């Protein structure tokens, strides 16, 4: 699908990733198109699924979520037969921002936010460790954030 994007599409996507509040007129001026063709391209990019959503990125610290933890989860042999059940449980935890199936010594990598270590401990014992099939959880507390972005490298494709 990426091969179907031309230079205008890539520029439009880059601008929207940077600031989705820009008007079509601002975007069209920045990419060198008139507003109508630019608007049609944006609509097409939405319809074809290149633009999944336009959201506000909230600063987690400003709302009191000061702790970020990465948890590596390993399921027991019996638990692996219930991957869908585990996945459904994880989807129901608002503290879990990201969940990835991994290859290697663990089965999942989770990114979790909490107000503080005590809040994470409660989440760990009251929710995460009680999901059926969980054998082992290794928690890694992030001390500081060097880079965090939602912008994809459009020039790399």
N, C-alpha and C. Protein backbone atom coordinates (compact mmCIF):
# COMPACT_ATOMS: atom_id res chain seq x y z
N UNK A 1 0.81 -1.20 0.00
CA UNK A 1 0.00 0.00 0.00
C UNK A 1 0.85 1.27 0.00
N UNK A 2 2.00 1.26 0.70
CA UNK A 2 2.82 2.45 0.81
C UNK A 2 3.28 2.93 -0.57
N UNK A 3 3.44 2.04 -1.52
CA UNK A 3 3.88 2.42 -2.86
C UNK A 3 2.83 3.29 -3.56
N UNK A 4 1.58 3.24 -3.11
CA UNK A 4 0.51 4.02 -3.73
C UNK A 4 0.53 5.48 -3.31
N UNK A 5 1.33 5.82 -2.33
CA UNK A 5 1.41 7.20 -1.86
C UNK A 5 2.39 7.97 -2.72
N UNK A 6 1.95 9.14 -3.19
CA UNK A 6 2.89 9.98 -3.93
C UNK A 6 3.47 11.03 -2.98
N UNK A 7 4.27 11.92 -3.51
CA UNK A 7 4.95 12.92 -2.68
C UNK A 7 3.95 13.84 -1.97
N UNK A 8 2.87 14.20 -2.65
CA UNK A 8 1.85 15.05 -2.01
C UNK A 8 1.21 14.33 -0.83
N UNK A 9 0.86 13.05 -1.03
CA UNK A 9 0.25 12.27 0.05
C UNK A 9 1.17 12.20 1.25
N UNK A 10 2.44 11.94 1.00
CA UNK A 10 3.42 11.83 2.10
C UNK A 10 3.56 13.16 2.85
N UNK A 11 3.59 14.26 2.10
CA UNK A 11 3.69 15.57 2.74
C UNK A 11 2.44 15.86 3.58
N UNK A 12 1.29 15.52 3.04
CA UNK A 12 0.03 15.74 3.77
C UNK A 12 0.03 14.91 5.06
N UNK A 13 0.41 13.65 4.96
CA UNK A 13 0.45 12.80 6.15
C UNK A 13 1.46 13.32 7.17
N UNK A 14 2.61 13.77 6.71
CA UNK A 14 3.62 14.31 7.62
C UNK A 14 3.09 15.54 8.36
N UNK A 15 2.43 16.42 7.63
CA UNK A 15 1.87 17.63 8.26
C UNK A 15 0.78 17.28 9.26
N UNK A 16 -0.08 16.33 8.92
CA UNK A 16 -1.15 15.94 9.83
C UNK A 16 -0.60 15.24 11.07
N UNK A 17 0.48 14.45 10.90
CA UNK A 17 1.10 13.82 12.08
C UNK A 17 1.68 14.86 13.02
N UNK A 18 2.20 15.92 12.44
CA UNK A 18 2.81 16.99 13.23
C UNK A 18 1.75 17.81 13.96
N UNK A 19 0.64 18.12 13.26
CA UNK A 19 -0.43 18.93 13.85
C UNK A 19 -1.71 18.71 13.06
N UNK A 20 -2.61 17.90 13.60
CA UNK A 20 -3.85 17.58 12.91
C UNK A 20 -4.88 18.71 12.98
N UNK A 21 -4.57 19.77 13.72
CA UNK A 21 -5.48 20.93 13.81
C UNK A 21 -5.37 21.87 12.62
N UNK A 22 -4.39 21.65 11.76
CA UNK A 22 -4.21 22.54 10.62
C UNK A 22 -5.42 22.48 9.70
N UNK A 23 -5.77 23.62 9.14
CA UNK A 23 -6.88 23.66 8.19
C UNK A 23 -6.43 23.10 6.85
N UNK A 24 -7.39 22.74 6.03
CA UNK A 24 -7.07 22.27 4.69
C UNK A 24 -6.32 23.35 3.91
N UNK A 25 -6.71 24.61 4.12
CA UNK A 25 -6.03 25.71 3.43
C UNK A 25 -4.56 25.78 3.83
N UNK A 26 -4.27 25.61 5.12
CA UNK A 26 -2.88 25.65 5.58
C UNK A 26 -2.08 24.47 5.00
N UNK A 27 -2.70 23.30 4.99
CA UNK A 27 -2.02 22.12 4.46
C UNK A 27 -1.80 22.27 2.96
N UNK A 28 -2.82 22.72 2.25
CA UNK A 28 -2.69 22.85 0.80
C UNK A 28 -1.59 23.84 0.43
N UNK A 29 -1.48 24.92 1.19
CA UNK A 29 -0.42 25.90 0.93
C UNK A 29 0.96 25.28 1.19
N UNK A 30 1.07 24.51 2.26
CA UNK A 30 2.36 23.92 2.63
C UNK A 30 2.82 22.86 1.63
N UNK A 31 1.86 22.14 1.01
CA UNK A 31 2.25 21.07 0.07
C UNK A 31 2.24 21.52 -1.39
N UNK A 32 1.67 22.70 -1.65
CA UNK A 32 1.67 23.21 -3.02
C UNK A 32 0.50 22.72 -3.86
N UNK A 33 -0.65 22.52 -3.23
CA UNK A 33 -1.87 22.16 -3.94
C UNK A 33 -2.94 23.19 -3.64
N UNK A 34 -3.94 23.27 -4.50
CA UNK A 34 -5.08 24.14 -4.17
C UNK A 34 -5.94 23.39 -3.14
N UNK A 35 -6.77 24.11 -2.40
CA UNK A 35 -7.52 23.50 -1.31
C UNK A 35 -8.43 22.32 -1.70
N UNK A 36 -9.12 22.41 -2.81
CA UNK A 36 -10.04 21.32 -3.18
C UNK A 36 -9.33 19.99 -3.44
N UNK A 37 -8.29 19.94 -4.28
CA UNK A 37 -7.58 18.67 -4.46
C UNK A 37 -6.93 18.17 -3.17
N UNK A 38 -6.47 19.11 -2.35
CA UNK A 38 -5.86 18.73 -1.08
C UNK A 38 -6.91 18.08 -0.17
N UNK A 39 -8.10 18.70 -0.09
CA UNK A 39 -9.18 18.15 0.72
C UNK A 39 -9.56 16.75 0.24
N UNK A 40 -9.64 16.57 -1.09
CA UNK A 40 -9.99 15.25 -1.65
C UNK A 40 -8.93 14.22 -1.29
N UNK A 41 -7.67 14.60 -1.32
CA UNK A 41 -6.59 13.68 -0.94
C UNK A 41 -6.71 13.29 0.54
N UNK A 42 -6.98 14.26 1.39
CA UNK A 42 -7.14 13.97 2.81
C UNK A 42 -8.31 13.00 3.02
N UNK A 43 -9.41 13.25 2.34
CA UNK A 43 -10.57 12.36 2.45
C UNK A 43 -10.22 10.94 1.97
N UNK A 44 -9.51 10.85 0.86
CA UNK A 44 -9.10 9.54 0.34
C UNK A 44 -8.18 8.82 1.32
N UNK A 45 -7.24 9.57 1.90
CA UNK A 45 -6.33 8.97 2.88
C UNK A 45 -7.10 8.44 4.09
N UNK A 46 -8.17 9.12 4.48
CA UNK A 46 -9.03 8.63 5.58
C UNK A 46 -9.78 7.38 5.14
N UNK A 47 -10.42 7.46 3.98
CA UNK A 47 -11.23 6.34 3.49
C UNK A 47 -10.40 5.08 3.29
N UNK A 48 -9.17 5.23 2.83
CA UNK A 48 -8.30 4.07 2.58
C UNK A 48 -7.58 3.59 3.83
N UNK A 49 -7.80 4.26 4.97
CA UNK A 49 -7.25 3.80 6.23
C UNK A 49 -5.84 4.27 6.54
N UNK A 50 -5.27 5.14 5.72
CA UNK A 50 -3.95 5.69 6.04
C UNK A 50 -4.04 6.56 7.29
N UNK A 51 -5.13 7.31 7.40
CA UNK A 51 -5.39 8.11 8.59
C UNK A 51 -6.41 7.33 9.41
N UNK A 52 -5.95 6.77 10.53
CA UNK A 52 -6.83 5.94 11.36
C UNK A 52 -7.74 6.79 12.23
N UNK A 53 -7.22 7.89 12.76
CA UNK A 53 -8.00 8.75 13.65
C UNK A 53 -7.25 10.05 13.84
N UNK A 54 -7.96 11.06 14.26
CA UNK A 54 -7.35 12.33 14.64
C UNK A 54 -7.72 12.54 16.10
N UNK A 55 -6.70 12.61 16.94
CA UNK A 55 -6.92 12.66 18.38
C UNK A 55 -6.07 13.77 19.02
N UNK A 56 -6.40 14.08 20.27
CA UNK A 56 -5.57 14.98 21.06
C UNK A 56 -4.63 14.12 21.89
N UNK A 57 -3.35 14.44 21.88
CA UNK A 57 -2.37 13.72 22.68
C UNK A 57 -2.26 14.42 24.03
N UNK A 58 -2.67 13.73 25.07
CA UNK A 58 -2.70 14.29 26.41
C UNK A 58 -1.38 14.00 27.11
N UNK A 59 -0.83 14.98 27.80
CA UNK A 59 0.40 14.81 28.56
C UNK A 59 0.07 14.00 29.81
N UNK A 60 0.58 12.78 29.90
CA UNK A 60 0.23 11.88 30.99
C UNK A 60 0.64 12.44 32.35
N UNK A 61 1.73 13.15 32.40
CA UNK A 61 2.20 13.70 33.67
C UNK A 61 1.28 14.82 34.16
N UNK A 62 0.76 15.61 33.25
CA UNK A 62 -0.13 16.72 33.64
C UNK A 62 -1.41 16.19 34.27
N UNK A 63 -1.81 14.97 33.92
CA UNK A 63 -3.03 14.41 34.52
C UNK A 63 -2.70 13.43 35.65
N UNK A 64 -1.44 13.41 36.08
CA UNK A 64 -1.07 12.64 37.25
C UNK A 64 -0.60 11.22 37.01
N UNK A 65 -0.35 10.84 35.76
CA UNK A 65 0.17 9.50 35.47
C UNK A 65 1.69 9.59 35.32
N UNK A 66 2.37 9.67 36.45
CA UNK A 66 3.80 9.97 36.48
C UNK A 66 4.70 8.76 36.28
N UNK A 67 4.14 7.57 36.37
CA UNK A 67 4.96 6.35 36.29
C UNK A 67 4.61 5.58 35.03
N UNK A 68 5.65 5.18 34.32
CA UNK A 68 5.49 4.36 33.12
C UNK A 68 6.29 3.08 33.31
N UNK A 69 5.63 1.96 33.07
CA UNK A 69 6.24 0.66 33.30
C UNK A 69 6.09 -0.19 32.05
N UNK A 70 7.14 -0.92 31.72
CA UNK A 70 7.07 -1.91 30.66
C UNK A 70 7.06 -3.27 31.34
N UNK A 71 6.07 -4.07 31.03
CA UNK A 71 5.96 -5.39 31.66
C UNK A 71 6.08 -6.46 30.60
N UNK A 72 6.96 -7.41 30.85
CA UNK A 72 7.10 -8.58 29.98
C UNK A 72 6.31 -9.71 30.64
N UNK A 73 5.35 -10.25 29.89
CA UNK A 73 4.46 -11.25 30.44
C UNK A 73 4.68 -12.58 29.73
N UNK A 74 4.83 -13.61 30.54
CA UNK A 74 4.96 -14.97 30.01
C UNK A 74 3.75 -15.76 30.49
N UNK A 75 3.10 -16.44 29.56
CA UNK A 75 1.97 -17.30 29.91
C UNK A 75 2.46 -18.72 30.14
N UNK A 76 1.77 -19.44 30.99
CA UNK A 76 2.11 -20.85 31.17
C UNK A 76 1.62 -21.62 29.95
N UNK A 77 2.02 -22.86 29.81
CA UNK A 77 1.67 -23.67 28.63
C UNK A 77 0.17 -23.73 28.45
N UNK A 78 -0.56 -23.90 29.53
CA UNK A 78 -2.02 -23.95 29.45
C UNK A 78 -2.57 -22.58 29.07
N UNK A 79 -1.93 -21.52 29.57
CA UNK A 79 -2.37 -20.17 29.28
C UNK A 79 -2.27 -19.81 27.81
N UNK A 80 -1.28 -20.38 27.13
CA UNK A 80 -1.11 -20.07 25.70
C UNK A 80 -2.30 -20.54 24.87
N UNK A 81 -3.03 -21.51 25.37
CA UNK A 81 -4.21 -21.94 24.63
C UNK A 81 -5.37 -20.97 24.83
N UNK A 82 -5.18 -20.00 25.71
CA UNK A 82 -6.22 -19.00 25.96
C UNK A 82 -5.72 -17.59 25.62
N UNK A 83 -5.02 -17.46 24.52
CA UNK A 83 -4.47 -16.16 24.13
C UNK A 83 -5.57 -15.11 23.95
N UNK A 84 -6.69 -15.51 23.41
CA UNK A 84 -7.78 -14.57 23.19
C UNK A 84 -8.34 -14.06 24.51
N UNK A 85 -8.44 -14.95 25.49
CA UNK A 85 -8.91 -14.56 26.82
C UNK A 85 -7.94 -13.56 27.46
N UNK A 86 -6.65 -13.83 27.34
CA UNK A 86 -5.64 -12.90 27.86
C UNK A 86 -5.75 -11.56 27.14
N UNK A 87 -5.84 -11.60 25.82
CA UNK A 87 -5.92 -10.38 25.03
C UNK A 87 -7.15 -9.56 25.41
N UNK A 88 -8.29 -10.22 25.60
CA UNK A 88 -9.51 -9.51 26.01
C UNK A 88 -9.34 -8.85 27.37
N UNK A 89 -8.70 -9.56 28.30
CA UNK A 89 -8.47 -8.99 29.63
C UNK A 89 -7.60 -7.75 29.53
N UNK A 90 -6.54 -7.81 28.75
CA UNK A 90 -5.61 -6.68 28.60
C UNK A 90 -6.32 -5.49 27.97
N UNK A 91 -7.15 -5.75 26.96
CA UNK A 91 -7.90 -4.66 26.31
C UNK A 91 -8.81 -3.95 27.31
N UNK A 92 -9.22 -4.63 28.36
CA UNK A 92 -10.11 -4.06 29.35
C UNK A 92 -9.42 -3.25 30.43
N UNK A 93 -8.09 -3.21 30.42
CA UNK A 93 -7.34 -2.47 31.43
C UNK A 93 -6.92 -1.12 30.86
N UNK A 94 -7.53 -0.01 31.29
CA UNK A 94 -7.15 1.30 30.75
C UNK A 94 -5.71 1.68 31.07
N UNK A 95 -5.12 1.08 32.09
CA UNK A 95 -3.73 1.37 32.44
C UNK A 95 -2.76 0.89 31.37
N UNK A 96 -3.15 -0.12 30.60
CA UNK A 96 -2.29 -0.67 29.55
C UNK A 96 -2.51 0.14 28.28
N UNK A 97 -1.47 0.86 27.88
CA UNK A 97 -1.57 1.69 26.67
C UNK A 97 -1.23 0.91 25.41
N UNK A 98 -0.27 0.00 25.51
CA UNK A 98 0.17 -0.79 24.37
C UNK A 98 0.38 -2.23 24.82
N UNK A 99 0.08 -3.15 23.92
CA UNK A 99 0.33 -4.57 24.19
C UNK A 99 0.77 -5.21 22.88
N UNK A 100 1.92 -5.87 22.94
CA UNK A 100 2.48 -6.51 21.75
C UNK A 100 2.76 -7.98 22.03
N UNK A 101 2.48 -8.83 21.06
CA UNK A 101 2.89 -10.24 21.13
C UNK A 101 4.36 -10.25 20.70
N UNK A 102 5.20 -10.95 21.46
CA UNK A 102 6.63 -10.95 21.17
C UNK A 102 7.15 -12.36 20.94
N UNK A 103 8.31 -12.42 20.31
CA UNK A 103 9.02 -13.69 20.15
C UNK A 103 10.15 -13.67 21.16
N UNK A 104 10.50 -14.81 21.68
CA UNK A 104 11.59 -14.87 22.64
C UNK A 104 11.12 -15.45 23.96
N UNK A 105 11.77 -15.07 25.04
CA UNK A 105 11.48 -15.69 26.34
C UNK A 105 10.14 -15.27 26.94
N UNK A 106 9.55 -14.17 26.47
CA UNK A 106 8.24 -13.77 26.97
C UNK A 106 7.25 -13.73 25.82
N UNK A 107 5.97 -13.69 26.18
CA UNK A 107 4.91 -13.74 25.17
C UNK A 107 4.36 -12.37 24.81
N UNK A 108 4.38 -11.44 25.77
CA UNK A 108 3.80 -10.11 25.56
C UNK A 108 4.68 -9.03 26.16
N UNK A 109 4.63 -7.85 25.55
CA UNK A 109 5.25 -6.67 26.11
C UNK A 109 4.15 -5.63 26.27
N UNK A 110 4.00 -5.13 27.49
CA UNK A 110 2.96 -4.14 27.79
C UNK A 110 3.60 -2.81 28.18
N UNK A 111 2.96 -1.73 27.78
CA UNK A 111 3.34 -0.40 28.28
C UNK A 111 2.19 0.07 29.15
N UNK A 112 2.50 0.35 30.40
CA UNK A 112 1.49 0.62 31.42
C UNK A 112 1.80 1.96 32.07
N UNK A 113 0.75 2.74 32.35
CA UNK A 113 0.93 3.99 33.09
C UNK A 113 0.17 3.92 34.40
N UNK A 114 0.70 4.62 35.40
CA UNK A 114 0.08 4.67 36.72
C UNK A 114 0.48 5.98 37.38
N UNK A 115 -0.24 6.34 38.42
CA UNK A 115 0.07 7.58 39.13
C UNK A 115 1.44 7.51 39.79
N UNK A 116 1.75 6.36 40.36
CA UNK A 116 3.03 6.17 41.06
C UNK A 116 3.29 4.68 41.20
N UNK A 117 4.38 4.33 41.85
CA UNK A 117 4.74 2.91 42.02
C UNK A 117 3.69 2.18 42.83
N UNK A 118 3.13 2.84 43.84
CA UNK A 118 2.08 2.19 44.65
C UNK A 118 0.86 1.85 43.79
N UNK A 119 0.49 2.75 42.90
CA UNK A 119 -0.65 2.49 42.01
C UNK A 119 -0.33 1.34 41.05
N UNK A 120 0.91 1.30 40.56
CA UNK A 120 1.30 0.19 39.70
C UNK A 120 1.27 -1.12 40.47
N UNK A 121 1.73 -1.10 41.70
CA UNK A 121 1.71 -2.32 42.52
C UNK A 121 0.28 -2.84 42.70
N UNK A 122 -0.65 -1.92 42.95
CA UNK A 122 -2.06 -2.34 43.07
C UNK A 122 -2.56 -2.94 41.76
N UNK A 123 -2.24 -2.28 40.62
CA UNK A 123 -2.62 -2.82 39.32
C UNK A 123 -2.01 -4.20 39.11
N UNK A 124 -0.74 -4.33 39.45
CA UNK A 124 -0.02 -5.59 39.28
C UNK A 124 -0.70 -6.72 40.06
N UNK A 125 -0.94 -6.50 41.34
CA UNK A 125 -1.49 -7.56 42.19
C UNK A 125 -3.00 -7.75 42.02
N UNK A 126 -3.74 -6.68 41.81
CA UNK A 126 -5.20 -6.79 41.74
C UNK A 126 -5.73 -7.15 40.35
N UNK A 127 -4.97 -6.82 39.32
CA UNK A 127 -5.47 -7.05 37.96
C UNK A 127 -4.55 -7.95 37.14
N UNK A 128 -3.35 -7.45 36.83
CA UNK A 128 -2.49 -8.12 35.86
C UNK A 128 -2.11 -9.54 36.28
N UNK A 129 -1.69 -9.71 37.51
CA UNK A 129 -1.25 -11.04 37.94
C UNK A 129 -2.41 -12.02 38.11
N UNK A 130 -3.63 -11.52 38.08
CA UNK A 130 -4.81 -12.39 38.22
C UNK A 130 -5.40 -12.84 36.89
N UNK A 131 -4.84 -12.38 35.79
CA UNK A 131 -5.33 -12.82 34.48
C UNK A 131 -4.99 -14.30 34.33
N UNK A 132 -5.97 -15.12 34.00
CA UNK A 132 -5.71 -16.56 33.87
C UNK A 132 -4.60 -16.87 32.88
N UNK A 133 -3.73 -17.79 33.26
CA UNK A 133 -2.66 -18.24 32.39
C UNK A 133 -1.35 -17.51 32.56
N UNK A 134 -1.32 -16.44 33.36
CA UNK A 134 -0.08 -15.70 33.54
C UNK A 134 0.86 -16.51 34.43
N UNK A 135 2.05 -16.76 33.93
CA UNK A 135 3.05 -17.50 34.68
C UNK A 135 4.07 -16.57 35.32
N UNK A 136 4.48 -15.55 34.57
CA UNK A 136 5.57 -14.69 35.04
C UNK A 136 5.39 -13.29 34.48
N UNK A 137 5.71 -12.29 35.30
CA UNK A 137 5.68 -10.89 34.87
C UNK A 137 6.98 -10.23 35.32
N UNK A 138 7.69 -9.65 34.39
CA UNK A 138 8.90 -8.87 34.70
C UNK A 138 8.59 -7.41 34.41
N UNK A 139 8.66 -6.59 35.44
CA UNK A 139 8.34 -5.17 35.30
C UNK A 139 9.61 -4.35 35.21
N UNK A 140 9.61 -3.42 34.26
CA UNK A 140 10.74 -2.53 34.05
C UNK A 140 10.20 -1.10 34.18
N UNK A 141 10.64 -0.38 35.20
CA UNK A 141 10.18 0.99 35.43
C UNK A 141 11.03 1.95 34.61
N UNK A 142 10.36 2.78 33.82
CA UNK A 142 11.06 3.79 33.04
C UNK A 142 11.38 4.98 33.95
N UNK A 143 12.64 5.34 34.05
CA UNK A 143 13.04 6.46 34.91
C UNK A 143 12.80 7.81 34.23
N UNK A 144 13.13 7.89 32.95
CA UNK A 144 12.89 9.12 32.21
C UNK A 144 12.60 8.76 30.76
N UNK A 145 12.06 9.72 30.05
CA UNK A 145 11.66 9.51 28.67
C UNK A 145 12.59 10.31 27.77
N UNK A 146 13.34 9.64 26.94
CA UNK A 146 14.27 10.30 26.04
C UNK A 146 13.56 10.72 24.75
N UNK A 147 12.75 9.82 24.22
CA UNK A 147 11.99 10.11 23.00
C UNK A 147 10.67 9.37 23.05
N UNK A 148 9.62 10.10 22.72
CA UNK A 148 8.30 9.50 22.61
C UNK A 148 7.58 10.24 21.50
N UNK A 149 7.17 9.53 20.48
CA UNK A 149 6.51 10.18 19.35
C UNK A 149 5.42 9.27 18.79
N UNK A 150 4.49 9.88 18.12
CA UNK A 150 3.49 9.11 17.37
C UNK A 150 3.72 9.28 15.87
N UNK A 151 4.71 10.10 15.50
CA UNK A 151 4.98 10.38 14.08
C UNK A 151 5.76 9.25 13.44
N UNK A 152 5.21 8.68 12.39
CA UNK A 152 5.88 7.62 11.64
C UNK A 152 6.88 8.23 10.66
N UNK A 153 7.99 7.56 10.40
CA UNK A 153 9.01 8.09 9.46
C UNK A 153 8.58 7.85 8.01
N UNK A 154 7.83 8.77 7.47
CA UNK A 154 7.28 8.61 6.12
C UNK A 154 8.35 8.64 5.04
N UNK A 155 9.48 9.21 5.31
CA UNK A 155 10.55 9.25 4.31
C UNK A 155 11.28 7.92 4.23
N UNK A 156 11.06 7.02 5.19
CA UNK A 156 11.76 5.74 5.22
C UNK A 156 11.08 4.68 4.36
N UNK A 157 9.87 4.96 3.88
CA UNK A 157 9.14 3.96 3.07
C UNK A 157 9.08 4.34 1.63
